[in-house]
Amino acid sequence: MPTYEYVCEKCGHRFEQIQPITEKALKTCPKAVCPRKAWGKGRVRRAISAGGGLLFKGSGFYITDYRSEGYKAAAKKEASASTGGDTKPAPAKTETATPAKSESKAAQPTGHPPK
């Protein structure tokens, strides 16, 4: 819920009030926040305020967190070009099939767990 700032036109008292957006603006100074001994019932108006700031706390709010895959690929390509392009891709890993042991159960295809 937003916090609205009000100013009493009778005494100049400024106060904040938390209200839903759908609720209408206050017309008179609420008795609970009125600084006068006897409730002044002054007319109030909403003041323009700075509002609440947006604070990011923690270790992970960076502009690069949500970049597109295309942007990341272009950045990686640019980084490898700036280092001389001497980076070689890792060799492909080859798999060797091992013969299945003959047991009482039927042999399962390599790479698949038994059911």
C-alpha atoms as a PDB file:
ATOM      1  CA  MET A   1       0.000   0.000   0.000  1.00  0.00           C
ATOM      2  CA  PRO A   2       1.303   3.468  -0.790  1.00  0.00           C
ATOM      3  CA  THR A   3       2.166   6.029   1.847  1.00  0.00           C
ATOM      4  CA  TYR A   4       0.673   9.465   1.239  1.00  0.00           C
ATOM      5  CA  GLU A   5       1.926  12.676   2.796  1.00  0.00           C
ATOM      6  CA  TYR A   6      -0.640  15.215   4.011  1.00  0.00           C
ATOM      7  CA  VAL A   7      -0.408  18.804   5.255  1.00  0.00           C
ATOM      8  CA  CYS A   8      -2.943  20.333   7.646  1.00  0.00           C
ATOM      9  CA  GLU A   9      -3.952  23.760   6.334  1.00  0.00           C
ATOM     10  CA  LYS A  10      -4.980  24.910   9.813  1.00  0.00           C
ATOM     11  CA  CYS A  11      -1.725  24.336  11.699  1.00  0.00           C
ATOM     12  CA  GLY A  12       0.769  23.294   8.989  1.00  0.00           C
ATOM     13  CA  HIS A  13       1.330  19.857  10.548  1.00  0.00           C
ATOM     14  CA  ARG A  14       2.739  17.302   8.072  1.00  0.00           C
ATOM     15  CA  PHE A  15       2.035  13.600   8.482  1.00  0.00           C
ATOM     16  CA  GLU A  16       2.064  10.381   6.494  1.00  0.00           C
ATOM     17  CA  GLN A  17      -0.850   8.020   6.052  1.00  0.00           C
ATOM     18  CA  ILE A  18      -0.765   4.497   4.617  1.00  0.00           C
ATOM     19  CA  GLN A  19      -3.830   4.010   2.421  1.00  0.00           C
ATOM     20  CA  PRO A  20      -4.935   1.735  -0.410  1.00  0.00           C
ATOM     21  CA  ILE A  21      -4.908   3.370  -3.835  1.00  0.00           C
ATOM     22  CA  THR A  22      -8.661   2.866  -4.107  1.00  0.00           C
ATOM     23  CA  GLU A  23      -9.373   4.847  -0.927  1.00  0.00           C
ATOM     24  CA  LYS A  24     -10.267   8.537  -1.273  1.00  0.00           C
ATOM     25  CA  ALA A  25      -7.936  11.228   0.052  1.00  0.00           C
ATOM     26  CA  LEU A  26      -8.425  12.451   3.622  1.00  0.00           C
ATOM     27  CA  LYS A  27     -10.445  15.665   4.063  1.00  0.00           C
ATOM     28  CA  THR A  28      -9.697  16.517   7.699  1.00  0.00           C
ATOM     29  CA  CYS A  29      -6.758  15.934   9.987  1.00  0.00           C
ATOM     30  CA  PRO A  30      -7.225  12.579  11.803  1.00  0.00           C
ATOM     31  CA  LYS A  31      -7.671  12.886  15.558  1.00  0.00           C
ATOM     32  CA  ALA A  32      -4.879  10.335  16.184  1.00  0.00           C
ATOM     33  CA  VAL A  33      -2.209  12.447  14.470  1.00  0.00           C
ATOM     34  CA  CYS A  34      -3.425  15.965  15.272  1.00  0.00           C
ATOM     35  CA  PRO A  35      -0.744  17.872  17.258  1.00  0.00           C
ATOM     36  CA  ARG A  36      -3.276  20.148  19.015  1.00  0.00           C
ATOM     37  CA  LYS A  37      -4.572  19.308  22.486  1.00  0.00           C
ATOM     38  CA  ALA A  38      -8.128  19.812  21.344  1.00  0.00           C
ATOM     39  CA  TRP A  39      -8.660  18.191  17.954  1.00  0.00           C
ATOM     40  CA  GLY A  40      -8.313  21.004  15.408  1.00  0.00           C
ATOM     41  CA  LYS A  41     -10.341  19.369  12.617  1.00  0.00           C
ATOM     42  CA  GLY A  42      -8.224  21.207  10.046  1.00  0.00           C
ATOM     43  CA  ARG A  43      -8.599  20.601   6.340  1.00  0.00           C
ATOM     44  CA  VAL A  44      -5.774  18.572   4.882  1.00  0.00           C
ATOM     45  CA  ARG A  45      -4.363  18.299   1.387  1.00  0.00           C
ATOM     46  CA  ARG A  46      -2.068  15.755  -0.154  1.00  0.00           C
ATOM     47  CA  ALA A  47       1.477  16.981  -0.508  1.00  0.00           C
ATOM     48  CA  ILE A  48       3.860  16.053  -3.268  1.00  0.00           C
ATOM     49  CA  SER A  49       6.537  13.886  -1.742  1.00  0.00           C
ATOM     50  CA  ALA A  50       9.640  12.118  -2.935  1.00  0.00           C
ATOM     51  CA  GLY A  51       8.092   8.735  -2.274  1.00  0.00           C
ATOM     52  CA  GLY A  52       9.923   5.621  -1.259  1.00  0.00           C
ATOM     53  CA  GLY A  53      13.215   4.783  -2.848  1.00  0.00           C
ATOM     54  CA  LEU A  54      13.930   1.469  -4.470  1.00  0.00           C
ATOM     55  CA  LEU A  55      16.694  -0.362  -2.652  1.00  0.00           C
ATOM     56  CA  PHE A  56      18.402  -3.479  -3.925  1.00  0.00           C
ATOM     57  CA  LYS A  57      20.052  -5.364  -1.105  1.00  0.00           C
ATOM     58  CA  GLY A  58      21.945  -8.570  -1.402  1.00  0.00           C
ATOM     59  CA  SER A  59      24.540 -10.013  -3.675  1.00  0.00           C
ATOM     60  CA  GLY A  60      22.754 -10.469  -6.945  1.00  0.00           C
ATOM     61  CA  PHE A  61      21.047  -7.583  -8.675  1.00  0.00           C
ATOM     62  CA  TYR A  62      23.133  -6.797 -11.713  1.00  0.00           C
ATOM     63  CA  ILE A  63      22.124  -5.562 -15.151  1.00  0.00           C
ATOM     64  CA  THR A  64      23.890  -8.532 -16.725  1.00  0.00           C
ATOM     65  CA  ASP A  65      21.798 -11.129 -14.876  1.00  0.00           C
ATOM     66  CA  TYR A  66      18.991 -11.155 -17.420  1.00  0.00           C
ATOM     67  CA  ARG A  67      20.803 -10.685 -20.735  1.00  0.00           C
ATOM     68  CA  SER A  68      19.593 -12.534 -23.818  1.00  0.00           C
ATOM     69  CA  GLU A  69      21.453 -15.572 -25.128  1.00  0.00           C
ATOM     70  CA  GLY A  70      22.345 -13.681 -28.320  1.00  0.00           C
ATOM     71  CA  TYR A  71      23.959 -10.903 -26.306  1.00  0.00           C
ATOM     72  CA  LYS A  72      25.935 -13.401 -24.220  1.00  0.00           C
ATOM     73  CA  ALA A  73      27.187 -15.201 -27.352  1.00  0.00           C
ATOM     74  CA  ALA A  74      28.279 -11.921 -28.966  1.00  0.00           C
ATOM     75  CA  ALA A  75      30.050 -10.845 -25.771  1.00  0.00           C
ATOM     76  CA  LYS A  76      31.875 -14.193 -25.553  1.00  0.00           C
ATOM     77  CA  LYS A  77      32.917 -13.910 -29.220  1.00  0.00           C
ATOM     78  CA  GLU A  78      34.146 -10.357 -28.659  1.00  0.00           C
ATOM     79  CA  ALA A  79      36.070 -11.383 -25.535  1.00  0.00           C
ATOM     80  CA  SER A  80      37.843 -14.218 -27.377  1.00  0.00           C
ATOM     81  CA  ALA A  81      38.706 -11.858 -30.257  1.00  0.00           C
ATOM     82  CA  SER A  82      40.215  -9.311 -27.866  1.00  0.00           C
ATOM     83  CA  THR A  83      42.451 -11.952 -26.207  1.00  0.00           C
ATOM     84  CA  GLY A  84      43.938 -12.953 -29.548  1.00  0.00           C
ATOM     85  CA  GLY A  85      41.588 -15.791 -30.385  1.00  0.00           C
ATOM     86  CA  ASP A  86      44.088 -18.422 -29.208  1.00  0.00           C
ATOM     87  CA  THR A  87      41.475 -20.335 -27.323  1.00  0.00           C
ATOM     88  CA  LYS A  88      40.952 -23.848 -28.647  1.00  0.00           C
ATOM     89  CA  PRO A  89      37.773 -25.816 -28.062  1.00  0.00           C
ATOM     90  CA  ALA A  90      38.092 -28.834 -25.802  1.00  0.00           C
ATOM     91  CA  PRO A  91      38.457 -32.153 -27.685  1.00  0.00           C
ATOM     92  CA  ALA A  92      35.267 -34.159 -28.005  1.00  0.00           C
ATOM     93  CA  LYS A  93      34.934 -36.993 -25.524  1.00  0.00           C
ATOM     94  CA  THR A  94      34.575 -40.387 -27.136  1.00  0.00           C
ATOM     95  CA  GLU A  95      32.672 -43.164 -25.458  1.00  0.00           C
ATOM     96  CA  THR A  96      33.789 -46.752 -25.627  1.00  0.00           C
ATOM     97  CA  ALA A  97      31.193 -49.444 -25.336  1.00  0.00           C
ATOM     98  CA  THR A  98      31.892 -52.033 -22.677  1.00  0.00           C
ATOM     99  CA  PRO A  99      30.644 -55.542 -23.276  1.00  0.00           C
ATOM    100  CA  ALA A 100      27.701 -56.524 -21.118  1.00  0.00           C
ATOM    101  CA  LYS A 101      28.339 -59.148 -18.471  1.00  0.00           C
ATOM    102  CA  SER A 102      26.366 -62.285 -18.906  1.00  0.00           C
ATOM    103  CA  GLU A 103      24.321 -62.809 -15.789  1.00  0.00           C
ATOM    104  CA  SER A 104      20.954 -64.320 -15.070  1.00  0.00           C
ATOM    105  CA  LYS A 105      19.283 -61.043 -16.140  1.00  0.00           C
ATOM    106  CA  ALA A 106      19.069 -59.970 -19.774  1.00  0.00           C
ATOM    107  CA  ALA A 107      21.788 -57.543 -20.842  1.00  0.00           C
ATOM    108  CA  GLN A 108      20.722 -53.910 -20.919  1.00  0.00           C
ATOM    109  CA  PRO A 109      21.918 -51.510 -23.664  1.00  0.00           C
ATOM    110  CA  THR A 110      24.981 -49.479 -22.676  1.00  0.00           C
ATOM    111  CA  GLY A 111      24.158 -46.103 -21.098  1.00  0.00           C
ATOM    112  CA  HIS A 112      20.704 -47.047 -19.843  1.00  0.00           C
ATOM    113  CA  PRO A 113      20.050 -48.029 -16.234  1.00  0.00           C
ATOM    114  CA  PRO A 114      18.211 -51.325 -15.572  1.00  0.00           C
ATOM    115  CA  LYS A 115      14.483 -51.047 -15.047  1.00  0.00           C
END
